[in-house]
N, C-alpha and C. Protein backbone atom coordinates (compact mmCIF):
# COMPACT_ATOMS: atom_id res chain seq x y z
N MET A 1 62.07 -4.69 130.22
CA MET A 1 61.93 -4.17 128.67
C MET A 1 60.59 -4.04 128.38
N ASP A 2 59.56 -5.05 128.90
CA ASP A 2 58.26 -4.78 128.93
C ASP A 2 57.95 -3.75 129.39
N ARG A 3 58.17 -3.52 130.64
CA ARG A 3 58.30 -1.89 131.35
C ARG A 3 58.22 -0.88 130.74
N LYS A 4 59.44 -0.79 129.87
CA LYS A 4 59.78 0.42 129.61
C LYS A 4 58.95 0.67 128.45
N LYS A 5 58.38 -0.70 127.86
CA LYS A 5 57.80 -0.15 126.64
C LYS A 5 56.54 0.56 127.10
N SER A 6 55.90 -0.39 128.32
CA SER A 6 54.49 0.14 128.65
C SER A 6 54.43 1.59 129.00
N LYS A 7 55.49 2.10 129.76
CA LYS A 7 55.78 3.52 130.01
C LYS A 7 55.84 4.62 128.87
N THR A 8 56.53 4.09 127.78
CA THR A 8 56.69 4.77 126.88
C THR A 8 54.97 4.85 125.93
N ARG A 9 54.40 3.72 126.11
CA ARG A 9 53.26 3.82 125.52
C ARG A 9 52.39 4.90 126.38
N GLU A 10 52.56 4.67 127.64
CA GLU A 10 51.87 5.09 127.85
C GLU A 10 51.74 7.22 128.04
N TYR A 11 53.30 7.16 127.66
CA TYR A 11 53.64 8.23 127.60
C TYR A 11 52.68 8.78 126.13
N VAL A 12 53.15 8.19 125.26
CA VAL A 12 52.46 8.78 124.03
C VAL A 12 51.18 9.03 123.79
N GLU A 13 50.30 7.64 124.72
CA GLU A 13 48.94 8.29 124.36
C GLU A 13 48.37 9.04 125.45
N SER A 14 49.35 9.67 126.32
CA SER A 14 48.92 10.46 127.50
C SER A 14 49.23 12.13 126.20
N ILE A 15 50.31 12.29 125.47
CA ILE A 15 50.53 13.00 124.31
C ILE A 15 48.93 13.45 123.36
N LEU A 16 48.62 11.48 122.65
CA LEU A 16 47.93 11.97 122.28
C LEU A 16 46.41 12.51 122.28
N ILE A 17 46.03 11.72 123.08
CA ILE A 17 44.49 12.43 124.04
C ILE A 17 44.89 13.71 124.85
N ALA A 18 45.53 14.71 124.45
CA ALA A 18 46.06 15.53 125.12
C ALA A 18 45.82 16.52 123.70
N ALA A 19 46.44 16.15 122.76
CA ALA A 19 46.55 16.60 121.59
C ALA A 19 44.92 16.45 120.38
N LEU A 20 44.36 15.37 121.44
CA LEU A 20 42.86 15.47 120.71
C LEU A 20 41.97 15.84 121.44
N ILE A 21 42.02 16.60 122.93
CA ILE A 21 41.33 17.20 123.55
C ILE A 21 41.12 18.78 123.33
N ALA A 22 42.96 19.08 122.82
CA ALA A 22 43.17 20.48 122.55
C ALA A 22 42.16 20.54 121.24
N LEU A 23 42.32 19.77 120.15
CA LEU A 23 41.55 19.83 118.88
C LEU A 23 39.97 19.93 119.04
N VAL A 24 39.58 19.14 120.09
CA VAL A 24 37.90 19.29 120.02
C VAL A 24 37.87 20.56 120.50
N VAL A 25 38.38 21.08 121.37
CA VAL A 25 38.02 22.70 122.42
C VAL A 25 38.65 23.52 121.39
N ARG A 26 39.61 23.77 120.49
CA ARG A 26 39.65 24.69 119.66
C ARG A 26 39.02 24.59 118.15
N SER A 27 38.51 23.36 117.84
CA SER A 27 37.51 23.49 116.69
C SER A 27 35.70 23.53 117.21
N PHE A 28 35.38 23.29 118.23
CA PHE A 28 33.81 23.50 118.57
C PHE A 28 34.25 24.53 119.99
N VAL A 29 34.51 24.70 120.79
CA VAL A 29 34.55 25.57 122.02
C VAL A 29 35.19 26.62 122.10
N ILE A 30 36.21 26.90 122.31
CA ILE A 30 37.21 28.03 122.58
C ILE A 30 38.12 28.31 121.49
N GLN A 31 38.55 29.68 120.72
CA GLN A 31 39.46 29.43 119.69
C GLN A 31 40.06 31.10 120.58
N ALA A 32 41.39 31.13 120.70
CA ALA A 32 41.82 32.58 120.81
C ALA A 32 42.46 33.48 120.09
N TYR A 33 42.04 34.66 120.40
CA TYR A 33 42.39 35.89 118.83
C TYR A 33 43.43 36.80 119.52
N LYS A 34 43.87 36.97 118.64
CA LYS A 34 44.88 38.45 118.67
C LYS A 34 44.37 39.68 118.27
N ILE A 35 43.85 40.72 118.78
CA ILE A 35 44.10 41.72 118.14
C ILE A 35 44.91 42.31 117.01
N PRO A 36 45.32 42.63 115.50
CA PRO A 36 45.61 43.08 115.14
C PRO A 36 46.24 44.67 114.53
N SER A 37 44.40 45.17 114.86
CA SER A 37 44.86 46.39 114.58
C SER A 37 43.76 47.41 114.88
N GLY A 38 43.52 48.56 114.82
CA GLY A 38 43.18 49.63 115.53
C GLY A 38 41.74 49.24 115.13
N SER A 39 40.76 48.65 114.36
CA SER A 39 39.77 48.94 113.73
C SER A 39 38.61 49.08 114.51
N MET A 40 38.95 48.44 116.36
CA MET A 40 37.67 47.85 117.38
C MET A 40 38.30 49.12 118.19
N GLU A 41 39.09 50.02 118.02
CA GLU A 41 39.28 50.92 119.22
C GLU A 41 37.76 52.13 119.16
N PRO A 42 38.09 52.44 120.47
CA PRO A 42 38.36 51.89 121.76
C PRO A 42 38.09 50.93 122.78
N THR A 43 36.93 49.87 121.93
CA THR A 43 36.88 48.93 122.55
C THR A 43 37.85 47.67 122.68
N LEU A 44 38.45 47.60 121.88
CA LEU A 44 39.91 46.66 122.10
C LEU A 44 40.66 47.50 121.26
N LEU A 45 41.65 47.21 121.68
CA LEU A 45 42.86 47.88 121.36
C LEU A 45 43.82 46.85 121.10
N VAL A 46 44.69 46.69 120.24
CA VAL A 46 45.84 46.88 119.49
C VAL A 46 47.15 45.64 120.56
N GLY A 47 46.89 44.11 120.25
CA GLY A 47 47.61 43.94 121.41
C GLY A 47 46.97 43.24 122.32
N ASP A 48 45.00 43.29 122.25
CA ASP A 48 44.68 42.55 123.18
C ASP A 48 44.26 41.26 122.74
N HIS A 49 44.63 39.74 123.83
CA HIS A 49 44.74 38.66 123.61
C HIS A 49 42.73 38.12 124.01
N LEU A 50 42.69 37.81 123.19
CA LEU A 50 41.06 37.16 123.58
C LEU A 50 40.57 35.65 123.51
N LEU A 51 39.68 35.47 124.15
CA LEU A 51 38.91 33.87 123.88
C LEU A 51 37.73 34.17 123.03
N VAL A 52 37.30 33.51 122.26
CA VAL A 52 36.30 33.58 121.37
C VAL A 52 35.19 32.03 121.68
N ASN A 53 33.72 32.49 122.12
CA ASN A 53 33.54 30.97 121.74
C ASN A 53 32.54 30.70 120.47
N ARG A 54 33.09 29.42 120.08
CA ARG A 54 33.11 28.74 119.00
C ARG A 54 31.23 28.68 118.99
N MET A 55 30.97 28.53 119.75
CA MET A 55 29.50 27.63 119.65
C MET A 55 28.36 28.93 120.02
N SER A 56 28.64 29.35 119.81
CA SER A 56 27.86 30.59 120.10
C SER A 56 26.75 30.72 119.05
N TYR A 57 27.13 30.57 117.41
CA TYR A 57 25.97 30.43 116.48
C TYR A 57 25.99 29.49 115.83
N VAL A 58 27.16 29.12 115.51
CA VAL A 58 27.44 27.85 114.68
C VAL A 58 28.17 27.12 115.27
N VAL A 59 27.98 25.63 114.72
CA VAL A 59 29.03 24.29 114.71
C VAL A 59 29.37 23.80 113.55
N LYS A 60 30.43 24.04 113.29
CA LYS A 60 31.31 23.58 112.30
C LYS A 60 31.89 22.35 111.97
N MET A 61 32.20 21.52 110.88
CA MET A 61 32.71 20.45 110.63
C MET A 61 34.18 21.09 110.64
N PRO A 62 34.92 20.71 111.71
CA PRO A 62 36.19 20.79 111.49
C PRO A 62 37.01 21.35 110.45
N PHE A 63 38.06 22.20 110.45
CA PHE A 63 38.88 22.76 109.03
C PHE A 63 37.97 23.46 107.84
N THR A 64 36.84 23.68 108.43
CA THR A 64 36.01 23.85 107.22
C THR A 64 35.06 25.00 107.62
N ASP A 65 34.16 25.54 106.53
CA ASP A 65 32.95 25.82 106.78
C ASP A 65 31.84 25.78 106.46
N THR A 66 31.92 23.93 106.36
CA THR A 66 30.71 23.73 106.73
C THR A 66 29.63 23.80 107.40
N VAL A 67 28.80 24.13 107.86
CA VAL A 67 27.84 24.31 108.95
C VAL A 67 27.05 23.14 109.59
N LEU A 68 27.45 22.55 110.45
CA LEU A 68 26.26 21.04 111.03
C LEU A 68 25.43 21.77 111.73
N PHE A 69 25.12 22.46 112.29
CA PHE A 69 24.13 22.93 113.12
C PHE A 69 24.20 24.60 113.54
N THR A 70 22.90 25.20 113.91
CA THR A 70 22.96 26.54 114.24
C THR A 70 22.85 26.24 116.26
N THR A 71 23.44 27.58 116.59
CA THR A 71 22.85 27.41 118.34
C THR A 71 22.44 28.75 118.24
N GLY A 72 22.76 29.49 117.90
CA GLY A 72 21.67 31.26 117.48
C GLY A 72 22.45 31.63 116.65
N LYS A 73 21.46 33.18 116.93
CA LYS A 73 21.54 34.62 115.89
C LYS A 73 22.17 35.15 116.08
N PRO A 74 23.39 35.84 115.93
CA PRO A 74 24.10 37.45 116.35
C PRO A 74 22.74 38.44 116.49
N ARG A 75 22.93 39.26 117.31
CA ARG A 75 22.31 40.26 117.80
C ARG A 75 22.88 41.52 117.47
N ARG A 76 22.30 42.63 117.06
CA ARG A 76 23.12 43.94 117.41
C ARG A 76 23.79 44.22 118.46
N GLY A 77 24.95 44.46 117.79
CA GLY A 77 25.70 45.02 119.26
C GLY A 77 26.80 43.98 119.59
N ASP A 78 26.83 42.39 119.26
CA ASP A 78 27.39 41.89 119.18
C ASP A 78 28.53 42.13 118.70
N ILE A 79 30.12 41.59 119.32
CA ILE A 79 31.10 41.78 118.66
C ILE A 79 31.50 40.05 118.57
N VAL A 80 32.07 39.87 116.77
CA VAL A 80 31.81 38.87 116.56
C VAL A 80 33.15 38.63 114.99
N VAL A 81 33.61 37.15 115.92
CA VAL A 81 35.06 36.81 114.93
C VAL A 81 34.38 36.31 113.84
N PHE A 82 34.75 36.44 112.31
CA PHE A 82 34.59 35.77 111.10
C PHE A 82 35.27 35.31 109.87
N ARG A 83 35.03 34.62 109.00
CA ARG A 83 36.11 35.19 108.08
C ARG A 83 36.50 35.64 107.55
N TYR A 84 37.01 36.47 107.10
CA TYR A 84 36.76 37.61 105.84
C TYR A 84 36.57 36.73 104.75
N PRO A 85 35.04 37.70 104.12
CA PRO A 85 34.73 37.43 103.07
C PRO A 85 35.67 37.16 101.47
N GLU A 86 36.52 38.25 100.99
CA GLU A 86 37.29 38.40 100.58
C GLU A 86 38.47 37.36 100.48
N ASP A 87 38.60 36.91 101.30
CA ASP A 87 39.97 35.88 101.81
C ASP A 87 39.84 35.22 102.63
N PRO A 88 38.92 34.10 102.73
CA PRO A 88 39.00 33.39 104.25
C PRO A 88 39.58 32.47 104.98
N SER A 89 40.62 33.41 104.36
CA SER A 89 42.14 32.06 105.15
C SER A 89 42.26 33.78 106.39
N LYS A 90 41.36 34.79 106.19
CA LYS A 90 42.15 35.38 107.71
C LYS A 90 40.94 35.65 108.14
N ASP A 91 41.10 36.02 109.28
CA ASP A 91 39.77 36.06 110.49
C ASP A 91 39.89 37.36 111.07
N TYR A 92 38.98 38.26 110.50
CA TYR A 92 38.05 39.52 111.40
C TYR A 92 37.51 39.49 112.31
N ILE A 93 37.53 41.02 113.00
CA ILE A 93 36.51 40.90 113.91
C ILE A 93 35.69 42.59 113.98
N LYS A 94 34.36 42.07 113.75
CA LYS A 94 33.69 43.34 113.92
C LYS A 94 32.48 43.60 114.97
N ARG A 95 31.70 44.77 115.11
CA ARG A 95 30.79 44.67 115.66
C ARG A 95 28.57 44.23 114.87
N VAL A 96 28.47 43.53 114.94
CA VAL A 96 26.88 43.73 114.56
C VAL A 96 26.11 44.89 114.36
N ILE A 97 25.51 45.16 113.03
CA ILE A 97 24.86 46.58 112.85
C ILE A 97 23.45 46.07 112.82
N ALA A 98 23.50 45.26 111.44
CA ALA A 98 22.46 44.95 110.97
C ALA A 98 22.17 43.25 110.70
N THR A 99 20.95 42.63 111.46
CA THR A 99 20.88 41.09 110.44
C THR A 99 20.10 41.09 109.47
N GLU A 100 20.00 39.70 109.32
CA GLU A 100 18.86 39.91 107.80
C GLU A 100 17.82 40.05 107.75
N GLY A 101 17.52 40.53 106.96
CA GLY A 101 16.25 40.97 106.29
C GLY A 101 16.12 42.53 107.00
N GLU A 102 16.84 42.92 107.50
CA GLU A 102 16.84 44.78 107.88
C GLU A 102 17.35 45.29 107.16
N LYS A 103 16.67 46.85 106.57
CA LYS A 103 17.12 47.58 105.73
C LYS A 103 18.44 48.78 106.66
N VAL A 104 19.26 48.53 105.97
CA VAL A 104 20.55 50.11 106.83
C VAL A 104 20.95 50.46 105.81
N GLU A 105 20.84 51.76 106.71
CA GLU A 105 21.17 53.38 105.40
C GLU A 105 22.37 53.79 106.58
N ILE A 106 23.31 54.40 105.91
CA ILE A 106 24.05 55.51 106.47
C ILE A 106 23.89 57.16 106.00
N ARG A 107 23.58 58.17 107.08
CA ARG A 107 23.44 59.27 106.64
C ARG A 107 24.38 60.07 107.31
N ASN A 108 25.14 60.47 106.65
CA ASN A 108 26.21 61.36 107.76
C ASN A 108 26.91 61.17 108.99
N LYS A 109 27.18 59.41 109.09
CA LYS A 109 28.05 58.64 109.93
C LYS A 109 26.70 58.25 110.89
N VAL A 110 25.53 58.74 110.88
CA VAL A 110 24.83 58.07 111.67
C VAL A 110 23.78 57.08 110.55
N ILE A 111 23.27 55.98 111.92
CA ILE A 111 22.80 54.69 111.26
C ILE A 111 21.35 54.66 111.24
N TYR A 112 20.54 54.01 110.42
CA TYR A 112 19.44 54.22 110.21
C TYR A 112 18.85 52.78 109.75
N ILE A 113 18.21 52.09 110.52
CA ILE A 113 18.00 50.78 110.57
C ILE A 113 16.57 50.50 110.48
N ASP A 114 15.64 50.36 108.81
CA ASP A 114 14.20 50.27 108.71
C ASP A 114 13.55 51.68 108.82
N GLY A 115 15.20 52.41 108.36
CA GLY A 115 14.27 54.05 108.03
C GLY A 115 14.61 54.64 110.03
N LYS A 116 14.61 54.19 110.65
CA LYS A 116 14.67 54.70 111.84
C LYS A 116 16.22 54.94 112.31
N LYS A 117 16.64 55.98 113.22
CA LYS A 117 18.13 56.20 113.69
C LYS A 117 18.04 55.35 114.85
N ILE A 118 18.90 54.47 115.28
CA ILE A 118 19.47 53.82 116.15
C ILE A 118 20.86 53.88 116.93
N THR A 119 20.12 53.69 118.02
CA THR A 119 21.29 54.07 119.22
C THR A 119 22.27 53.61 119.10
N ASP A 120 23.75 54.35 118.89
CA ASP A 120 24.56 53.49 118.40
C ASP A 120 26.05 54.47 119.36
N PRO A 121 25.92 53.13 120.79
CA PRO A 121 26.96 54.01 121.76
C PRO A 121 28.34 53.36 121.39
N TRP A 122 28.77 52.84 120.28
CA TRP A 122 29.90 52.11 119.85
C TRP A 122 30.49 53.17 118.84
N GLY A 123 29.94 53.71 117.84
CA GLY A 123 30.89 54.27 116.86
C GLY A 123 31.49 55.22 117.52
N HIS A 124 32.97 55.19 117.13
CA HIS A 124 34.08 56.82 117.70
C HIS A 124 34.88 57.59 115.76
N PHE A 125 34.71 58.48 115.97
CA PHE A 125 34.82 59.12 114.57
C PHE A 125 36.21 60.21 115.10
N LYS A 126 37.16 60.44 113.95
CA LYS A 126 38.08 61.08 114.01
C LYS A 126 37.42 62.57 112.88
N PRO A 127 37.20 63.47 113.67
CA PRO A 127 36.10 64.38 112.63
C PRO A 127 37.58 65.18 111.90
N ASP A 128 38.84 65.04 111.76
CA ASP A 128 40.06 65.75 110.81
C ASP A 128 39.70 64.93 109.90
N LEU A 129 38.87 63.86 109.48
CA LEU A 129 39.79 62.62 108.47
C LEU A 129 37.73 63.06 107.50
N GLY A 130 38.30 63.11 106.30
CA GLY A 130 37.56 62.81 105.37
C GLY A 130 36.66 62.04 105.18
N ALA A 131 35.23 62.21 104.43
CA ALA A 131 34.68 60.94 104.00
C ALA A 131 34.95 60.24 103.54
N ARG A 132 35.95 60.01 102.30
CA ARG A 132 36.72 59.17 101.66
C ARG A 132 37.73 57.78 102.67
N GLY A 133 37.25 57.02 102.84
CA GLY A 133 38.10 55.74 103.35
C GLY A 133 38.98 55.28 102.64
N PHE A 134 39.17 53.86 103.15
CA PHE A 134 40.03 52.83 102.42
C PHE A 134 40.29 52.79 101.18
N THR A 135 38.87 52.96 100.57
CA THR A 135 38.91 53.05 99.05
C THR A 135 38.48 54.43 98.49
N PRO A 136 39.30 55.12 97.75
CA PRO A 136 38.61 56.47 97.30
C PRO A 136 37.46 56.51 96.88
N PHE A 137 36.78 55.24 96.06
CA PHE A 137 35.47 55.65 95.68
C PHE A 137 34.66 55.53 96.34
N ILE A 138 34.36 55.26 97.42
CA ILE A 138 33.51 55.03 98.33
C ILE A 138 32.91 55.60 99.63
N ASP A 139 32.61 56.50 100.04
CA ASP A 139 31.98 57.50 100.70
C ASP A 139 31.66 56.45 102.10
N LYS A 140 32.78 56.32 103.36
CA LYS A 140 32.60 55.99 104.30
C LYS A 140 31.40 56.39 105.33
N ASP A 141 30.92 57.86 104.77
CA ASP A 141 29.94 58.17 106.00
C ASP A 141 28.50 58.19 105.45
N ASN A 142 28.32 58.02 103.87
CA ASN A 142 27.39 57.86 103.40
C ASN A 142 26.94 56.58 102.99
N MET A 143 26.16 55.90 102.75
CA MET A 143 25.47 54.60 102.04
C MET A 143 23.98 54.54 101.92
N SER A 144 23.69 54.16 101.04
CA SER A 144 22.33 54.05 100.08
C SER A 144 21.70 52.99 100.60
N PRO A 145 20.38 53.17 101.20
CA PRO A 145 20.02 51.83 101.85
C PRO A 145 19.57 50.68 101.66
N VAL A 146 20.35 49.54 101.93
CA VAL A 146 20.49 48.12 101.60
C VAL A 146 19.97 47.08 102.92
N VAL A 147 19.11 45.67 101.70
CA VAL A 147 18.35 45.20 102.72
C VAL A 147 19.37 43.80 102.90
N VAL A 148 19.77 43.68 104.08
CA VAL A 148 20.45 42.31 104.47
C VAL A 148 20.15 41.08 104.01
N PRO A 149 20.83 40.31 103.55
CA PRO A 149 20.10 38.58 102.82
C PRO A 149 20.16 38.26 104.12
N LYS A 150 19.43 36.81 103.52
CA LYS A 150 18.97 35.95 104.40
C LYS A 150 20.25 35.17 105.04
N ASP A 151 20.19 35.19 106.72
CA ASP A 151 21.47 34.44 107.09
C ASP A 151 23.31 35.08 106.84
N SER A 152 22.47 36.28 106.94
CA SER A 152 23.95 37.43 106.38
C SER A 152 24.00 38.40 107.39
N TYR A 153 25.03 39.31 107.54
CA TYR A 153 25.14 40.39 108.69
C TYR A 153 25.74 41.55 107.96
N PHE A 154 25.44 42.73 108.62
CA PHE A 154 26.03 44.07 108.60
C PHE A 154 27.11 44.27 109.69
N VAL A 155 28.50 44.39 109.38
CA VAL A 155 29.06 44.49 110.43
C VAL A 155 30.41 46.11 110.31
N MET A 156 30.41 46.64 111.21
CA MET A 156 31.55 47.62 111.07
C MET A 156 31.88 47.92 112.36
N GLY A 157 33.21 48.16 112.12
CA GLY A 157 34.38 48.83 113.52
C GLY A 157 33.96 49.55 114.10
N ASP A 158 33.93 49.33 115.34
CA ASP A 158 33.96 50.43 116.54
C ASP A 158 34.46 51.85 115.77
N ASN A 159 35.63 51.85 115.09
CA ASN A 159 36.77 53.32 115.11
C ASN A 159 36.22 52.83 113.50
N ARG A 160 35.27 53.91 113.38
CA ARG A 160 34.14 53.61 112.09
C ARG A 160 35.26 54.52 111.11
N ASP A 161 36.01 55.81 111.37
CA ASP A 161 37.01 56.34 110.40
C ASP A 161 38.01 55.46 109.94
N ASN A 162 38.00 53.93 110.92
CA ASN A 162 39.42 53.48 110.37
C ASN A 162 39.29 51.65 110.66
N SER A 163 37.87 51.34 109.58
CA SER A 163 38.25 50.22 109.68
C SER A 163 37.45 49.64 108.37
N LEU A 164 37.82 48.49 107.99
CA LEU A 164 37.39 48.20 106.63
C LEU A 164 36.06 47.61 107.13
N ASP A 165 35.15 47.57 106.61
CA ASP A 165 33.53 46.70 106.96
C ASP A 165 33.09 46.24 106.11
N SER A 166 32.33 46.48 106.29
CA SER A 166 30.36 45.68 105.41
C SER A 166 29.95 46.99 104.39
N ARG A 167 30.99 48.19 104.44
CA ARG A 167 30.68 49.14 104.01
C ARG A 167 31.38 49.44 102.69
N TYR A 168 32.53 48.34 103.18
CA TYR A 168 33.35 48.07 101.74
C TYR A 168 33.16 47.11 100.95
N TRP A 169 33.00 45.83 101.46
CA TRP A 169 33.45 44.67 100.91
C TRP A 169 31.76 43.95 101.37
N GLY A 170 30.62 44.54 101.58
CA GLY A 170 29.46 43.47 101.76
C GLY A 170 29.16 43.00 102.80
N PHE A 171 28.35 41.80 103.30
CA PHE A 171 27.66 41.17 104.34
C PHE A 171 28.91 40.04 104.42
N VAL A 172 28.39 39.37 106.15
CA VAL A 172 29.05 38.66 106.38
C VAL A 172 28.03 37.27 106.29
N ASN A 173 28.47 36.15 105.74
CA ASN A 173 27.74 35.27 105.83
C ASN A 173 27.76 34.21 106.85
N GLU A 174 26.82 33.60 107.54
CA GLU A 174 26.36 32.69 108.60
C GLU A 174 27.44 31.83 108.47
N ARG A 175 28.07 31.16 107.32
CA ARG A 175 29.12 30.27 106.79
C ARG A 175 29.92 30.67 107.41
N HIS A 176 30.94 31.76 107.32
CA HIS A 176 31.91 32.32 107.80
C HIS A 176 32.01 32.70 109.02
N LEU A 177 30.74 32.71 110.39
CA LEU A 177 30.76 32.95 111.69
C LEU A 177 31.56 32.26 112.00
N VAL A 178 32.93 32.28 112.89
CA VAL A 178 33.55 31.73 113.70
C VAL A 178 33.12 31.86 115.28
N GLY A 179 33.03 32.67 116.01
CA GLY A 179 32.28 32.85 116.90
C GLY A 179 32.29 34.48 117.94
N LYS A 180 31.82 34.61 119.02
CA LYS A 180 31.24 35.81 119.75
C LYS A 180 32.57 35.71 120.43
N ALA A 181 33.33 36.94 120.12
CA ALA A 181 34.44 37.52 121.63
C ALA A 181 33.47 37.43 122.94
N LEU A 182 34.29 36.87 123.86
CA LEU A 182 34.18 36.69 125.11
C LEU A 182 34.59 37.62 126.36
N ILE A 183 36.03 37.56 126.12
CA ILE A 183 36.86 38.05 127.39
C ILE A 183 38.13 37.64 127.06
N ILE A 184 39.01 39.13 127.49
CA ILE A 184 40.30 39.54 127.31
C ILE A 184 41.11 39.00 128.17
N TYR A 185 41.66 38.15 127.77
CA TYR A 185 42.73 37.14 128.90
C TYR A 185 44.00 37.86 129.58
N PHE A 186 44.02 38.51 127.86
CA PHE A 186 45.96 39.34 127.95
C PHE A 186 45.65 40.23 127.35
N SER A 187 46.93 41.02 127.64
CA SER A 187 46.33 42.61 127.06
C SER A 187 48.10 43.36 127.24
N TRP A 188 48.30 43.47 125.76
CA TRP A 188 50.43 43.75 125.54
C TRP A 188 50.04 44.81 124.50
N ASP A 189 50.98 45.99 125.03
CA ASP A 189 51.26 47.16 124.59
C ASP A 189 52.62 47.46 124.26
N SER A 190 53.28 47.12 122.81
CA SER A 190 54.18 46.86 122.57
C SER A 190 54.59 48.16 122.78
N ASN A 191 54.35 49.56 122.45
CA ASN A 191 54.59 50.85 122.36
C ASN A 191 55.01 51.32 123.85
N ALA A 192 54.43 50.55 124.61
CA ALA A 192 54.88 51.53 125.85
C ALA A 192 56.27 51.93 126.29
N MET A 193 56.34 52.78 127.10
CA MET A 193 58.28 53.50 127.12
C MET A 193 58.85 52.31 127.64
N ASN A 194 58.32 52.45 129.18
CA ASN A 194 58.58 51.59 130.10
C ASN A 194 58.34 50.00 130.31
N VAL A 195 59.31 49.25 129.98
CA VAL A 195 58.91 47.78 130.22
C VAL A 195 57.78 46.93 130.90
N LEU A 196 57.73 47.82 132.72
CA LEU A 196 56.75 47.49 133.30
C LEU A 196 55.40 48.04 133.06
N HIS A 197 55.22 48.91 132.07
CA HIS A 197 53.92 49.37 131.41
C HIS A 197 53.66 48.27 130.27
N HIS A 198 54.48 47.48 129.31
CA HIS A 198 53.60 46.76 128.66
C HIS A 198 52.49 46.11 128.77
N ILE A 199 52.56 45.55 129.72
CA ILE A 199 50.87 44.40 129.96
C ILE A 199 50.31 45.63 130.57
N ARG A 200 49.24 45.81 129.79
CA ARG A 200 47.71 46.39 130.71
C ARG A 200 46.86 45.68 131.42
N TRP A 201 47.72 45.42 132.62
CA TRP A 201 46.73 45.03 133.59
C TRP A 201 45.32 45.50 133.91
N SER A 202 44.58 46.43 133.71
CA SER A 202 43.65 46.81 133.89
C SER A 202 42.44 46.13 132.61
N ARG A 203 43.17 45.58 131.65
CA ARG A 203 41.91 45.28 130.79
C ARG A 203 42.45 43.40 130.71
N ILE A 204 42.93 42.72 131.56
CA ILE A 204 43.00 41.38 132.00
C ILE A 204 41.76 41.03 132.64
N ALA A 205 40.88 40.00 131.87
CA ALA A 205 39.92 39.16 132.48
C ALA A 205 38.90 40.38 132.13
N TRP A 206 38.67 41.05 131.67
CA TRP A 206 37.25 42.41 130.94
C TRP A 206 36.51 42.03 129.68
N LEU A 207 35.58 41.66 130.47
CA LEU A 207 34.53 41.05 129.70
C LEU A 207 34.16 41.61 128.49
N ILE A 208 33.90 41.31 127.36
CA ILE A 208 33.73 42.32 125.94
C ILE A 208 32.76 42.58 125.97
N LYS A 209 32.20 43.86 125.49
CA LYS A 209 30.64 44.43 125.40
C LYS A 209 30.78 45.35 123.98
């Protein structure tokens, strides 16, 4: 009887320890994320499964947006996962375009930072679409100059004509950052005609840039 109880106790303890380790890893180190939309195409495709480094920028209290300390700052070009400012229960993924203190402006799809045109190898457009985007009163191809507030970031999707981003709802505050996208560990194309082609083998273990 004692031996049986001992085995049962070891089994339960092993499960609890594994669950604790998984919780710590997910809370502080790595989080999985699946691409749900085409806003980051062609860089990231619907069905891409990513690993996100939660320690890239901030370390938070588990299950909250309370920042314990910062480990780094996002730079222009970083692809970041964050809590959607208008609904923090949702995670979004976009590319950092401007950081705190920078003045960002858009003129006819061209991005200017502090009055200078930036090199923008990430943006992709569909010339057949009009300037009006998700919100009919917002011209997504032009934006008056705005200064990014302290501890905040201006982000955009690479698929510029199909991305709900900072042009529409403003800035991402540091406390909403989840982490930096690192690598695609799996990719599934649900629209593939042949079942053998559902897995995008060429994208597996692809470092995100």
